[in-house]
N, C-alpha and C. Protein backbone atom coordinates (compact mmCIF):
# COMPACT_ATOMS: atom_id res chain seq x y z
N MET A 1 -14.52 -54.89 2.17
CA MET A 1 -13.96 -56.21 1.30
C MET A 1 -15.50 -56.81 1.26
N ALA A 2 -16.12 -57.14 0.20
CA ALA A 2 -17.28 -57.80 0.26
C ALA A 2 -17.43 -58.96 0.61
N GLY A 3 -18.05 -59.93 1.79
CA GLY A 3 -17.78 -61.40 2.24
C GLY A 3 -16.53 -61.28 3.05
N LEU A 4 -16.16 -60.56 3.66
CA LEU A 4 -14.81 -60.68 4.32
C LEU A 4 -15.29 -61.28 5.87
N ARG A 5 -16.63 -60.98 6.45
CA ARG A 5 -17.12 -62.00 7.58
C ARG A 5 -17.06 -63.47 7.41
N GLU A 6 -16.96 -63.72 6.05
CA GLU A 6 -17.54 -65.35 5.56
C GLU A 6 -16.13 -66.02 5.26
N ILE A 7 -15.11 -65.18 5.75
CA ILE A 7 -13.40 -65.60 4.96
C ILE A 7 -13.43 -66.21 6.74
N VAL A 8 -12.90 -67.91 6.60
CA VAL A 8 -12.28 -68.13 7.56
C VAL A 8 -11.00 -68.26 7.83
N ILE A 9 -10.48 -67.48 8.64
CA ILE A 9 -8.66 -67.18 8.75
C ILE A 9 -8.22 -68.24 9.81
N PRO A 10 -7.31 -68.77 9.69
CA PRO A 10 -6.72 -69.96 10.58
C PRO A 10 -5.91 -69.45 11.35
N TYR A 11 -6.28 -68.88 12.43
CA TYR A 11 -5.71 -67.97 13.44
C TYR A 11 -6.46 -68.07 14.80
N ALA A 12 -6.28 -68.63 15.89
CA ALA A 12 -6.86 -68.39 17.25
C ALA A 12 -5.73 -67.70 18.06
N PRO A 13 -6.32 -66.03 18.30
CA PRO A 13 -5.50 -65.09 18.81
C PRO A 13 -5.30 -65.86 20.28
N ARG A 14 -4.00 -65.41 20.99
CA ARG A 14 -4.16 -65.83 22.58
C ARG A 14 -4.40 -64.53 22.89
N SER A 15 -4.48 -64.81 24.61
CA SER A 15 -5.33 -63.71 25.23
C SER A 15 -4.93 -62.50 25.29
N TRP A 16 -3.14 -62.01 25.19
CA TRP A 16 -2.70 -61.19 24.86
C TRP A 16 -3.06 -60.43 23.56
N ALA A 17 -3.23 -61.16 22.87
CA ALA A 17 -3.30 -60.65 21.54
C ALA A 17 -4.64 -59.95 21.01
N LYS A 18 -5.69 -61.05 21.78
CA LYS A 18 -7.06 -60.33 21.61
C LYS A 18 -6.82 -59.00 21.90
N ARG A 19 -6.42 -58.61 23.24
CA ARG A 19 -6.37 -57.19 23.80
C ARG A 19 -5.69 -56.38 22.89
N ALA A 20 -4.39 -56.50 22.51
CA ALA A 20 -3.72 -56.09 21.46
C ALA A 20 -4.57 -55.71 20.45
N HIS A 21 -5.40 -56.87 19.51
CA HIS A 21 -6.25 -56.74 18.35
C HIS A 21 -7.33 -55.51 18.30
N ARG A 22 -7.24 -55.63 19.94
CA ARG A 22 -8.73 -54.62 19.96
C ARG A 22 -8.68 -53.07 20.35
N SER A 23 -6.85 -52.73 20.59
CA SER A 23 -6.51 -51.41 20.65
C SER A 23 -6.58 -50.80 19.04
N LEU A 24 -7.03 -49.29 19.24
CA LEU A 24 -7.00 -48.53 18.04
C LEU A 24 -5.61 -47.50 18.25
N VAL A 25 -4.88 -47.88 19.13
CA VAL A 25 -3.91 -46.32 19.50
C VAL A 25 -2.90 -47.13 17.90
N ARG A 26 -1.85 -45.95 17.96
CA ARG A 26 -1.32 -46.03 17.06
C ARG A 26 0.46 -46.74 17.15
N TRP A 27 0.86 -46.75 18.30
CA TRP A 27 2.05 -47.24 18.92
C TRP A 27 2.31 -48.41 19.98
N PHE A 28 2.50 -49.47 19.52
CA PHE A 28 2.79 -50.84 20.35
C PHE A 28 3.64 -51.07 20.41
N VAL A 29 4.25 -51.54 21.83
CA VAL A 29 5.13 -52.54 22.10
C VAL A 29 5.12 -53.49 22.89
N TRP A 30 5.57 -54.74 22.06
CA TRP A 30 5.10 -55.99 22.91
C TRP A 30 6.64 -56.95 23.29
N VAL A 31 6.48 -56.93 24.51
CA VAL A 31 7.99 -58.11 24.83
C VAL A 31 7.35 -59.36 25.46
N LEU A 32 7.48 -60.30 24.89
CA LEU A 32 6.93 -61.58 24.84
C LEU A 32 8.53 -62.69 25.07
N HIS A 33 8.19 -63.33 25.70
CA HIS A 33 9.23 -64.58 25.74
C HIS A 33 8.84 -65.17 24.58
N ARG A 34 9.91 -66.50 24.18
CA ARG A 34 9.73 -67.05 22.77
C ARG A 34 8.87 -67.78 22.51
N ARG A 35 8.26 -68.51 21.72
CA ARG A 35 7.37 -68.95 21.23
C ARG A 35 6.12 -68.68 21.81
N ALA A 36 5.96 -67.05 21.65
CA ALA A 36 4.54 -66.49 22.48
C ALA A 36 3.10 -66.38 21.36
N GLY A 37 4.09 -66.45 20.22
CA GLY A 37 3.34 -65.90 18.83
C GLY A 37 2.94 -64.89 18.55
N LYS A 38 4.05 -64.01 18.56
CA LYS A 38 4.25 -62.78 18.44
C LYS A 38 4.32 -62.02 16.85
N THR A 39 4.50 -63.18 16.19
CA THR A 39 5.12 -63.05 14.44
C THR A 39 3.58 -63.12 13.90
N THR A 40 2.62 -64.62 14.67
CA THR A 40 1.53 -64.55 13.48
C THR A 40 0.27 -63.84 14.17
N ALA A 41 0.55 -62.85 14.94
CA ALA A 41 -0.10 -61.78 15.50
C ALA A 41 -0.27 -60.78 15.09
N GLU A 42 1.60 -60.39 14.63
CA GLU A 42 1.68 -59.09 13.77
C GLU A 42 1.39 -59.38 12.65
N LEU A 43 0.99 -60.31 12.17
CA LEU A 43 0.53 -60.59 10.53
C LEU A 43 -0.74 -60.45 10.17
N ASN A 44 -1.38 -60.94 11.12
CA ASN A 44 -2.82 -61.24 11.46
C ASN A 44 -3.63 -59.71 11.96
N HIS A 45 -2.59 -59.06 12.36
CA HIS A 45 -2.99 -57.57 12.51
C HIS A 45 -2.77 -57.12 11.38
N HIS A 46 -1.74 -56.96 10.90
CA HIS A 46 -1.37 -56.55 9.02
C HIS A 46 -2.40 -57.06 8.19
N GLN A 47 -3.34 -58.30 8.09
CA GLN A 47 -4.41 -58.81 7.34
C GLN A 47 -5.84 -58.14 7.86
N ARG A 48 -6.00 -58.02 8.96
CA ARG A 48 -7.34 -57.63 9.19
C ARG A 48 -7.52 -56.00 8.86
N ALA A 49 -6.19 -55.51 8.96
CA ALA A 49 -6.11 -53.98 8.80
C ALA A 49 -6.23 -54.17 7.28
N ALA A 50 -5.73 -54.66 6.51
CA ALA A 50 -5.58 -54.83 5.07
C ALA A 50 -7.08 -54.71 4.34
N LEU A 51 -7.54 -55.75 5.13
CA LEU A 51 -8.63 -56.14 4.83
C LEU A 51 -10.49 -55.59 4.99
N ASP A 52 -10.09 -54.97 6.29
CA ASP A 52 -11.30 -54.36 6.72
C ASP A 52 -11.19 -53.15 6.68
N ASN A 53 -11.98 -52.59 5.80
CA ASN A 53 -11.77 -50.95 6.17
C ASN A 53 -12.84 -50.35 6.96
N ASP A 54 -13.63 -51.26 7.74
CA ASP A 54 -14.72 -50.41 8.83
C ASP A 54 -13.63 -50.38 10.02
N TRP A 55 -12.53 -51.26 10.03
CA TRP A 55 -11.70 -51.25 11.34
C TRP A 55 -10.86 -49.97 11.11
N GLU A 56 -10.24 -49.91 9.73
CA GLU A 56 -9.40 -48.98 9.58
C GLU A 56 -9.94 -47.65 9.47
N ARG A 57 -10.91 -47.29 9.23
CA ARG A 57 -11.69 -46.18 9.34
C ARG A 57 -11.74 -45.68 10.74
N ALA A 58 -12.36 -47.01 11.54
CA ALA A 58 -12.44 -46.52 12.86
C ALA A 58 -11.25 -46.47 14.01
N ARG A 59 -10.03 -46.94 13.33
CA ARG A 59 -8.82 -46.46 13.67
C ARG A 59 -8.58 -45.00 13.67
N LEU A 60 -8.70 -44.69 11.96
CA LEU A 60 -8.47 -43.51 11.79
C LEU A 60 -9.16 -42.38 12.26
N ARG A 61 -10.49 -42.64 12.69
CA ARG A 61 -10.96 -41.78 13.22
C ARG A 61 -10.56 -41.65 14.82
N PHE A 62 -10.34 -42.20 15.32
CA PHE A 62 -10.23 -42.44 16.81
C PHE A 62 -8.78 -41.23 17.38
N LEU A 63 -7.84 -41.60 15.83
CA LEU A 63 -6.65 -40.84 15.98
C LEU A 63 -7.29 -39.73 15.70
N LEU A 64 -7.92 -39.40 14.35
CA LEU A 64 -8.42 -38.08 13.97
C LEU A 64 -9.52 -37.48 14.01
N PRO A 65 -10.36 -37.12 15.09
CA PRO A 65 -11.80 -37.43 15.33
C PRO A 65 -12.63 -35.99 14.60
N ASP A 66 -11.36 -35.18 14.61
CA ASP A 66 -11.89 -34.14 13.74
C ASP A 66 -11.77 -33.81 12.25
N ALA A 67 -11.30 -35.34 11.58
CA ALA A 67 -10.86 -34.80 10.14
C ALA A 67 -12.15 -35.31 9.59
N LEU A 68 -11.90 -34.65 8.15
CA LEU A 68 -13.17 -34.79 7.17
C LEU A 68 -13.41 -36.02 6.57
N GLU A 69 -14.36 -36.38 5.94
CA GLU A 69 -14.61 -37.83 5.54
C GLU A 69 -13.49 -37.86 4.16
N SER A 70 -13.54 -37.06 3.51
CA SER A 70 -12.76 -36.81 2.46
C SER A 70 -11.29 -37.29 3.05
N GLN A 71 -10.62 -36.41 3.96
CA GLN A 71 -9.25 -36.96 4.49
C GLN A 71 -9.04 -38.41 4.82
N ILE A 72 -10.07 -38.92 5.57
CA ILE A 72 -10.08 -40.35 5.80
C ILE A 72 -10.09 -41.13 4.45
N LYS A 73 -11.03 -40.81 3.80
CA LYS A 73 -10.63 -41.73 2.36
C LYS A 73 -9.52 -41.89 1.60
N THR A 74 -8.61 -40.63 1.68
CA THR A 74 -7.50 -40.56 0.97
C THR A 74 -6.03 -41.37 1.50
N LEU A 75 -6.61 -41.32 3.33
CA LEU A 75 -5.63 -41.97 4.07
C LEU A 75 -5.99 -43.43 3.99
N MET A 76 -7.23 -44.12 3.59
CA MET A 76 -7.33 -44.96 3.42
C MET A 76 -7.12 -45.76 1.99
N GLU A 77 -6.65 -45.01 0.79
CA GLU A 77 -6.39 -45.65 -0.38
C GLU A 77 -5.03 -46.51 -0.37
N ARG A 78 -5.02 -47.25 -1.40
CA ARG A 78 -4.04 -48.46 -1.61
C ARG A 78 -3.24 -48.34 -0.31
N ARG A 79 -3.45 -49.66 0.58
CA ARG A 79 -2.27 -49.63 2.14
C ARG A 79 -1.86 -50.61 1.91
N ILE A 80 -0.56 -50.45 2.44
CA ILE A 80 0.49 -51.22 2.45
C ILE A 80 1.14 -51.65 4.26
N TYR A 81 1.36 -52.67 4.25
CA TYR A 81 1.41 -52.76 5.48
C TYR A 81 2.99 -53.67 5.39
N TRP A 82 4.42 -53.38 6.11
CA TRP A 82 5.55 -53.91 6.40
C TRP A 82 5.78 -54.74 7.15
N HIS A 83 6.22 -56.10 7.30
CA HIS A 83 6.74 -56.67 8.52
C HIS A 83 8.51 -56.83 8.14
N VAL A 84 9.07 -56.02 9.21
CA VAL A 84 10.49 -56.19 9.39
C VAL A 84 11.01 -57.48 10.29
N MET A 85 11.77 -58.01 9.76
CA MET A 85 12.94 -58.34 10.83
C MET A 85 14.06 -58.18 10.54
N PRO A 86 15.12 -58.88 11.58
CA PRO A 86 16.85 -58.23 11.36
C PRO A 86 17.15 -58.63 10.33
N SER A 87 16.75 -59.89 9.54
CA SER A 87 17.40 -60.05 8.12
C SER A 87 16.46 -60.51 7.18
N TYR A 88 16.66 -60.49 5.85
CA TYR A 88 15.69 -60.95 4.81
C TYR A 88 15.42 -62.23 5.20
N LYS A 89 16.18 -63.45 5.22
CA LYS A 89 16.32 -64.63 5.65
C LYS A 89 15.62 -65.03 6.89
N GLN A 90 15.68 -64.38 7.79
CA GLN A 90 14.95 -64.71 8.98
C GLN A 90 13.69 -64.27 8.37
N ALA A 91 13.10 -63.11 7.66
CA ALA A 91 11.72 -62.94 7.22
C ALA A 91 11.02 -64.04 6.20
N GLU A 92 12.26 -64.85 5.57
CA GLU A 92 11.87 -65.23 4.65
C GLU A 92 11.32 -66.77 5.17
N LEU A 93 12.52 -67.15 6.04
CA LEU A 93 12.17 -68.56 6.93
C LEU A 93 11.49 -68.59 8.04
N VAL A 94 11.24 -67.48 8.65
CA VAL A 94 10.25 -67.64 9.80
C VAL A 94 9.13 -67.19 9.59
N ALA A 95 8.66 -66.03 8.71
CA ALA A 95 7.29 -65.27 8.70
C ALA A 95 6.35 -65.57 7.23
N TRP A 96 7.39 -65.97 6.42
CA TRP A 96 6.37 -66.32 4.58
C TRP A 96 5.28 -67.24 4.77
N ALA A 97 5.87 -68.77 5.27
CA ALA A 97 4.79 -69.33 5.47
C ALA A 97 3.88 -69.12 6.26
N PHE A 98 4.02 -68.12 7.36
CA PHE A 98 3.15 -67.96 8.24
C PHE A 98 2.18 -66.90 7.48
N LEU A 99 2.46 -65.97 6.74
CA LEU A 99 1.67 -65.24 5.91
C LEU A 99 1.18 -65.82 4.87
N LYS A 100 1.47 -66.82 3.96
CA LYS A 100 0.64 -67.15 3.40
C LYS A 100 -0.25 -68.45 3.74
N ILE A 101 -0.24 -68.75 4.67
CA ILE A 101 -0.99 -69.58 5.35
C ILE A 101 -2.65 -68.73 6.11
N ILE A 102 -2.44 -67.70 6.58
CA ILE A 102 -3.20 -66.87 6.97
C ILE A 102 -4.02 -66.12 5.83
N ALA A 103 -3.29 -65.40 4.62
CA ALA A 103 -3.84 -65.23 3.66
C ALA A 103 -4.48 -65.79 2.22
N ASP A 104 -4.14 -67.35 2.10
CA ASP A 104 -4.46 -68.37 1.41
C ASP A 104 -6.05 -68.35 1.36
N PRO A 105 -6.66 -68.19 2.27
CA PRO A 105 -8.40 -68.66 2.50
C PRO A 105 -8.98 -67.25 1.69
N VAL A 106 -8.45 -66.41 1.51
CA VAL A 106 -8.74 -65.05 0.96
C VAL A 106 -8.63 -64.95 -0.64
N PRO A 107 -10.12 -64.90 -1.04
CA PRO A 107 -10.53 -65.22 -2.57
C PRO A 107 -9.49 -63.82 -3.52
N GLY A 108 -8.72 -64.33 -4.41
CA GLY A 108 -7.87 -63.00 -5.34
C GLY A 108 -6.82 -62.79 -4.40
N ARG A 109 -6.38 -63.36 -3.51
CA ARG A 109 -4.95 -63.04 -3.17
C ARG A 109 -3.88 -63.32 -3.93
N LYS A 110 -3.00 -62.53 -4.25
CA LYS A 110 -1.97 -62.99 -4.96
C LYS A 110 -0.63 -62.98 -4.42
N PHE A 111 0.07 -64.20 -4.30
CA PHE A 111 1.56 -64.18 -3.84
C PHE A 111 2.93 -63.92 -4.95
N ASN A 112 3.87 -63.37 -4.53
CA ASN A 112 5.29 -62.88 -4.78
C ASN A 112 6.01 -63.85 -4.20
N GLU A 113 6.87 -64.93 -4.32
CA GLU A 113 7.53 -65.29 -3.77
C GLU A 113 8.85 -64.67 -3.74
N SER A 114 9.36 -64.18 -4.78
CA SER A 114 10.62 -63.38 -4.96
C SER A 114 10.65 -62.27 -3.94
N LYS A 115 9.39 -61.82 -3.69
CA LYS A 115 9.75 -60.17 -2.84
C LYS A 115 8.61 -60.40 -1.51
N LEU A 116 8.36 -61.76 -1.38
CA LEU A 116 7.79 -62.13 -0.11
C LEU A 116 6.52 -61.05 -0.21
N ARG A 117 5.62 -61.03 -0.76
CA ARG A 117 5.03 -59.89 -0.92
C ARG A 117 3.35 -60.64 -1.13
N VAL A 118 2.02 -60.05 -0.33
CA VAL A 118 0.61 -60.77 -0.64
C VAL A 118 0.24 -59.19 -1.44
N THR A 119 -0.63 -59.80 -2.23
CA THR A 119 -1.51 -58.50 -2.59
C THR A 119 -3.11 -58.90 -2.65
N TYR A 120 -3.34 -57.89 -1.87
CA TYR A 120 -5.05 -58.55 -1.85
C TYR A 120 -6.11 -57.70 -2.70
N PRO A 121 -7.42 -58.34 -3.21
CA PRO A 121 -8.07 -58.05 -4.28
C PRO A 121 -8.59 -56.79 -4.53
N ASN A 122 -8.28 -55.79 -3.45
CA ASN A 122 -8.58 -54.51 -2.96
C ASN A 122 -7.53 -53.60 -3.03
N GLY A 123 -6.05 -54.25 -3.61
CA GLY A 123 -5.10 -53.51 -3.92
C GLY A 123 -3.97 -53.34 -2.74
N ASN A 124 -4.67 -53.81 -1.61
CA ASN A 124 -3.70 -53.76 -0.58
C ASN A 124 -2.66 -54.75 -0.17
N VAL A 125 -1.27 -54.43 0.33
CA VAL A 125 -0.20 -55.37 0.50
C VAL A 125 0.30 -55.49 1.73
N ILE A 126 0.66 -56.82 1.85
CA ILE A 126 1.32 -56.64 3.01
C ILE A 126 2.67 -57.40 2.50
N GLN A 127 3.98 -56.90 3.06
CA GLN A 127 5.66 -57.36 2.42
C GLN A 127 6.31 -57.38 3.39
N LEU A 128 7.14 -58.85 3.42
CA LEU A 128 7.77 -58.97 4.52
C LEU A 128 9.52 -58.37 4.16
N LEU A 129 10.03 -57.78 4.69
CA LEU A 129 11.60 -57.36 4.68
C LEU A 129 12.46 -57.74 5.88
N GLY A 130 13.83 -57.76 5.30
CA GLY A 130 14.60 -57.80 6.19
C GLY A 130 15.53 -56.25 6.42
N ALA A 131 15.89 -56.38 7.72
CA ALA A 131 16.98 -54.76 8.14
C ALA A 131 18.48 -54.85 7.85
N ASP A 132 18.68 -55.83 6.68
CA ASP A 132 20.21 -56.05 6.71
C ASP A 132 20.71 -54.77 6.52
N ASP A 133 20.06 -53.79 5.66
CA ASP A 133 20.21 -52.87 4.81
C ASP A 133 19.70 -51.72 5.09
N PRO A 134 19.54 -50.95 6.25
CA PRO A 134 18.78 -50.04 6.53
C PRO A 134 18.27 -49.11 5.77
N ASP A 135 18.98 -48.80 4.43
CA ASP A 135 18.70 -47.67 3.74
C ASP A 135 18.36 -48.28 2.31
N SER A 136 18.00 -49.81 2.72
CA SER A 136 16.98 -50.53 1.49
C SER A 136 15.73 -49.90 1.86
N LEU A 137 15.45 -49.88 3.15
CA LEU A 137 13.89 -49.48 3.61
C LEU A 137 13.06 -48.23 3.26
N ARG A 138 14.27 -47.77 2.61
CA ARG A 138 13.55 -45.78 1.87
C ARG A 138 12.11 -46.79 1.12
N GLY A 139 11.09 -46.08 1.24
CA GLY A 139 10.35 -46.47 -0.05
C GLY A 139 8.70 -45.98 0.12
N PRO A 140 7.58 -46.56 0.27
CA PRO A 140 6.27 -46.20 0.37
C PRO A 140 5.85 -45.63 1.47
N GLY A 141 5.02 -45.02 1.24
CA GLY A 141 4.15 -44.79 2.88
C GLY A 141 3.38 -46.08 3.32
N LEU A 142 3.27 -46.11 4.51
CA LEU A 142 2.77 -47.03 5.07
C LEU A 142 1.85 -47.01 6.09
N SER A 143 0.84 -47.81 5.89
CA SER A 143 -0.05 -47.81 6.81
C SER A 143 0.17 -48.29 8.15
N GLY A 144 0.78 -49.52 8.17
CA GLY A 144 1.21 -50.37 9.24
C GLY A 144 2.53 -50.61 8.95
N LEU A 145 3.07 -50.97 10.27
CA LEU A 145 4.30 -51.69 10.10
C LEU A 145 4.58 -52.30 11.49
N SER A 146 5.35 -53.56 11.72
CA SER A 146 5.81 -53.92 12.73
C SER A 146 7.65 -54.53 12.70
N LEU A 147 8.15 -54.32 13.22
CA LEU A 147 9.83 -54.59 13.88
C LEU A 147 9.90 -55.78 14.61
N ASP A 148 9.67 -56.73 14.26
CA ASP A 148 9.87 -58.25 15.09
C ASP A 148 11.47 -58.52 15.19
N GLU A 149 11.56 -58.59 16.66
CA GLU A 149 12.93 -59.19 16.97
C GLU A 149 13.30 -57.44 16.99
N TYR A 150 13.26 -56.37 17.71
CA TYR A 150 13.27 -55.07 17.57
C TYR A 150 14.74 -54.73 18.14
N SER A 151 15.00 -55.78 19.06
CA SER A 151 16.42 -55.42 19.46
C SER A 151 17.63 -55.71 18.82
N GLN A 152 17.35 -56.68 17.84
CA GLN A 152 18.23 -57.24 17.15
C GLN A 152 18.24 -55.94 15.39
N ILE A 153 17.32 -54.67 15.62
CA ILE A 153 17.65 -54.35 14.40
C ILE A 153 17.94 -53.03 14.51
N PRO A 154 18.81 -52.59 13.36
CA PRO A 154 19.60 -51.38 13.45
C PRO A 154 19.02 -50.17 14.27
N ALA A 155 19.21 -49.63 15.02
CA ALA A 155 18.89 -48.29 16.23
C ALA A 155 18.25 -47.39 14.86
N ASN A 156 18.97 -47.01 14.17
CA ASN A 156 18.74 -45.77 13.12
C ASN A 156 17.56 -46.05 12.15
N ALA A 157 17.19 -47.63 12.04
CA ALA A 157 16.26 -48.04 11.10
C ALA A 157 14.97 -47.27 11.25
N PHE A 158 14.46 -47.21 12.56
CA PHE A 158 12.73 -46.32 12.90
C PHE A 158 13.15 -45.31 12.93
N GLY A 159 14.33 -44.72 13.20
CA GLY A 159 14.30 -43.41 13.78
C GLY A 159 14.22 -42.29 12.31
N GLU A 160 15.23 -42.59 11.55
CA GLU A 160 16.03 -41.96 10.46
C GLU A 160 15.12 -42.04 9.22
N ILE A 161 14.10 -43.46 8.99
CA ILE A 161 13.52 -43.95 7.95
C ILE A 161 12.61 -44.24 7.75
N LEU A 162 11.86 -45.62 8.78
CA LEU A 162 10.93 -45.96 8.39
C LEU A 162 9.86 -45.55 9.42
N SER A 163 9.91 -44.28 10.28
CA SER A 163 9.16 -43.47 10.79
C SER A 163 8.58 -42.66 9.74
N LYS A 164 9.25 -42.06 8.85
CA LYS A 164 8.95 -41.26 7.77
C LYS A 164 7.81 -41.77 7.09
N ALA A 165 8.22 -43.27 6.78
CA ALA A 165 7.02 -44.03 6.20
C ALA A 165 5.82 -43.98 6.53
N LEU A 166 5.72 -44.20 7.62
CA LEU A 166 4.47 -43.98 8.46
C LEU A 166 3.67 -42.67 8.60
N ALA A 167 4.51 -41.82 7.93
CA ALA A 167 3.83 -40.32 8.02
C ALA A 167 2.59 -39.72 7.50
N ASP A 168 2.37 -40.15 6.08
CA ASP A 168 1.64 -39.71 5.15
C ASP A 168 0.05 -40.48 5.55
N HIS A 169 0.15 -41.72 5.80
CA HIS A 169 -0.82 -42.58 6.30
C HIS A 169 -1.19 -42.56 7.82
N LEU A 170 -0.71 -41.86 8.40
CA LEU A 170 -0.81 -42.00 10.04
C LEU A 170 -0.77 -43.53 10.05
N GLY A 171 -0.12 -44.22 9.70
CA GLY A 171 0.63 -46.05 10.18
C GLY A 171 0.58 -46.01 11.38
N TYR A 172 0.29 -47.05 11.80
CA TYR A 172 0.71 -47.78 13.28
C TYR A 172 1.91 -48.33 13.16
N CYS A 173 2.38 -48.50 14.26
CA CYS A 173 3.78 -49.65 14.33
C CYS A 173 4.15 -50.72 15.57
N ILE A 174 4.50 -51.83 15.63
CA ILE A 174 4.51 -52.36 16.55
C ILE A 174 5.82 -53.12 16.35
N PHE A 175 6.46 -52.39 17.94
CA PHE A 175 7.71 -53.17 18.35
C PHE A 175 7.83 -54.11 19.32
N SER A 176 8.24 -55.26 18.92
CA SER A 176 8.27 -56.42 19.33
C SER A 176 9.33 -57.16 19.63
N GLY A 177 9.29 -58.23 20.28
CA GLY A 177 10.52 -59.16 20.19
C GLY A 177 10.84 -59.94 21.85
N THR A 178 11.95 -60.48 21.90
CA THR A 178 12.41 -60.88 23.11
C THR A 178 13.73 -60.14 23.94
N ILE A 179 13.16 -59.63 25.31
CA ILE A 179 14.46 -58.73 25.90
C ILE A 179 15.60 -59.64 26.10
N LYS A 180 16.89 -58.99 26.00
CA LYS A 180 18.34 -59.57 26.16
C LYS A 180 18.88 -58.17 26.72
N GLY A 181 18.56 -57.79 28.13
CA GLY A 181 19.27 -57.23 28.65
C GLY A 181 18.42 -55.96 28.64
N THR A 182 19.22 -54.65 28.82
CA THR A 182 18.26 -53.52 28.73
C THR A 182 18.32 -52.48 27.31
N ASP A 183 18.31 -53.61 26.16
CA ASP A 183 18.53 -53.34 25.14
C ASP A 183 17.44 -52.43 25.01
N GLN A 184 17.37 -52.17 23.23
CA GLN A 184 16.88 -50.71 23.05
C GLN A 184 15.29 -50.95 23.15
N LEU A 185 14.73 -52.60 22.87
CA LEU A 185 13.34 -52.71 23.16
C LEU A 185 12.98 -52.66 24.35
N TYR A 186 13.77 -53.07 25.15
CA TYR A 186 13.67 -52.86 27.03
C TYR A 186 13.26 -51.17 27.37
N HIS A 187 13.91 -50.29 26.70
CA HIS A 187 14.03 -48.89 26.88
C HIS A 187 12.96 -48.51 26.32
N MET A 188 12.30 -48.85 25.21
CA MET A 188 10.93 -48.61 24.56
C MET A 188 9.92 -49.09 25.60
N TYR A 189 10.09 -49.73 26.02
CA TYR A 189 9.05 -50.49 26.68
C TYR A 189 8.76 -49.64 27.94
N GLU A 190 10.00 -49.28 28.80
CA GLU A 190 9.71 -48.39 29.65
C GLU A 190 9.40 -47.31 29.50
N ALA A 191 9.73 -46.54 28.28
CA ALA A 191 9.26 -45.39 28.00
C ALA A 191 7.52 -45.49 27.85
N ALA A 192 7.32 -46.60 27.09
CA ALA A 192 5.74 -46.61 26.67
C ALA A 192 4.74 -46.95 27.84
N LYS A 193 5.36 -47.56 29.05
CA LYS A 193 4.32 -48.87 29.71
C LYS A 193 3.09 -47.83 30.26
N ASP A 194 3.79 -46.36 30.62
CA ASP A 194 2.42 -45.92 31.21
C ASP A 194 2.29 -44.32 30.53
N ASP A 195 2.37 -44.36 29.15
CA ASP A 195 2.10 -43.61 28.23
C ASP A 195 0.35 -44.34 27.19
N PRO A 196 -0.56 -43.42 27.76
CA PRO A 196 -1.76 -43.94 27.32
C PRO A 196 -2.03 -43.88 25.56
N GLU A 197 -0.97 -43.35 24.97
CA GLU A 197 -0.95 -43.48 23.34
C GLU A 197 -0.53 -44.57 23.11
N TRP A 198 0.26 -45.57 23.78
CA TRP A 198 0.73 -46.69 23.77
C TRP A 198 -0.04 -47.86 24.38
N PHE A 199 -0.05 -49.03 23.74
CA PHE A 199 -0.22 -50.26 24.01
C PHE A 199 0.98 -51.01 24.67
N ALA A 200 1.48 -50.97 25.78
CA ALA A 200 2.58 -51.88 26.42
C ALA A 200 2.19 -52.91 26.93
N LEU A 201 2.98 -53.88 26.72
CA LEU A 201 2.93 -55.50 27.03
C LEU A 201 3.95 -55.82 27.23
N TRP A 202 4.24 -56.36 28.76
CA TRP A 202 5.51 -57.32 28.84
C TRP A 202 4.73 -58.66 29.02
N GLN A 203 5.15 -59.88 28.96
CA GLN A 203 4.44 -60.93 29.22
C GLN A 203 5.65 -61.97 29.37
N ASN A 204 6.31 -62.43 30.45
CA ASN A 204 6.67 -63.83 30.17
C ASN A 204 6.35 -64.85 30.36
N ILE A 205 6.96 -65.93 30.54
CA ILE A 205 6.26 -67.44 30.37
C ILE A 205 5.34 -67.82 31.67
N ASP A 206 5.56 -67.12 32.74
CA ASP A 206 5.33 -67.59 33.84
C ASP A 206 3.63 -66.85 33.76
N GLU A 207 3.47 -65.94 33.29
CA GLU A 207 2.32 -65.17 33.11
C GLU A 207 1.07 -65.81 31.80
N SER A 208 2.22 -66.36 31.19
CA SER A 208 1.38 -67.04 29.73
C SER A 208 1.17 -68.47 30.08
N LEU A 209 1.58 -68.75 31.28
CA LEU A 209 1.08 -70.22 31.77
C LEU A 209 0.03 -69.73 33.14
N LYS A 210 -0.20 -68.52 33.12
CA LYS A 210 -1.17 -68.25 34.21
C LYS A 210 -2.72 -68.23 33.35
N THR A 211 -2.42 -67.64 31.96
CA THR A 211 -3.51 -66.92 31.26
C THR A 211 -3.96 -67.55 30.03
N GLU A 212 -2.87 -68.35 29.13
CA GLU A 212 -2.79 -69.04 28.37
C GLU A 212 -3.35 -70.16 28.70
N SER A 213 -3.97 -71.35 27.74
CA SER A 213 -4.38 -72.17 27.73
C SER A 213 -4.17 -73.32 26.36
N GLY A 214 -4.01 -74.62 26.96
CA GLY A 214 -3.36 -75.62 25.37
C GLY A 214 -2.48 -75.37 24.74
N ALA A 215 -2.94 -75.71 23.40
CA ALA A 215 -1.69 -75.32 22.47
C ALA A 215 -1.07 -73.78 22.12
N THR A 216 -2.05 -73.00 22.81
CA THR A 216 -1.44 -71.28 23.12
C THR A 216 -0.14 -71.80 23.86
N ILE A 217 0.21 -72.31 24.29
CA ILE A 217 1.38 -71.85 25.33
C ILE A 217 2.92 -73.19 24.52
N THR A 218 2.24 -73.64 23.70
CA THR A 218 3.31 -74.77 23.31
C THR A 218 3.85 -74.40 21.69
N LYS A 219 2.72 -73.58 21.02
CA LYS A 219 3.17 -73.60 19.41
C LYS A 219 3.77 -72.03 19.40
């Protein structure tokens, strides 16, 4: 998108998020304490992917080093990114205001309040959804997905439905949330922490106090 680098997005990534944003892997699991900034980071990760063709091309090249340019071009056509929370009401109350703030500076963006969706002038889309009814998540191919508060999302939502939506575009996925005992997010982190195909992060409040500064640990 022409002029992308001149757009000022109101986002100051935290130290952990900077590392995550640099990664080109396909799979992410972020275990974070409350108020660590995961929702804001996920939405900004999606927006960068939706707007920056150079970054998306680099991501796809990292995953498919032998692909023809025509294959990469096909994968980059009209990209859709979903941010899924345990309920639609949570998506509306927690994430929609953040998404509008970071998307507002982009010239030509269009907000759809009833569908919690932003459409960018290049045709790419970010949409917020709830996992109240997992079958309602069947739909388009996705270039990126985040499952926010994954511990509270039905266990079958990803394996049976959303993983299929990622296949066509080689989409990435971020599983995130705060651990509640040995729940499904805990088990995912344990399986991913030593796997080079994953970006696995576990950060508690003590680590944030040591590595973050100023408003980044209070907002």
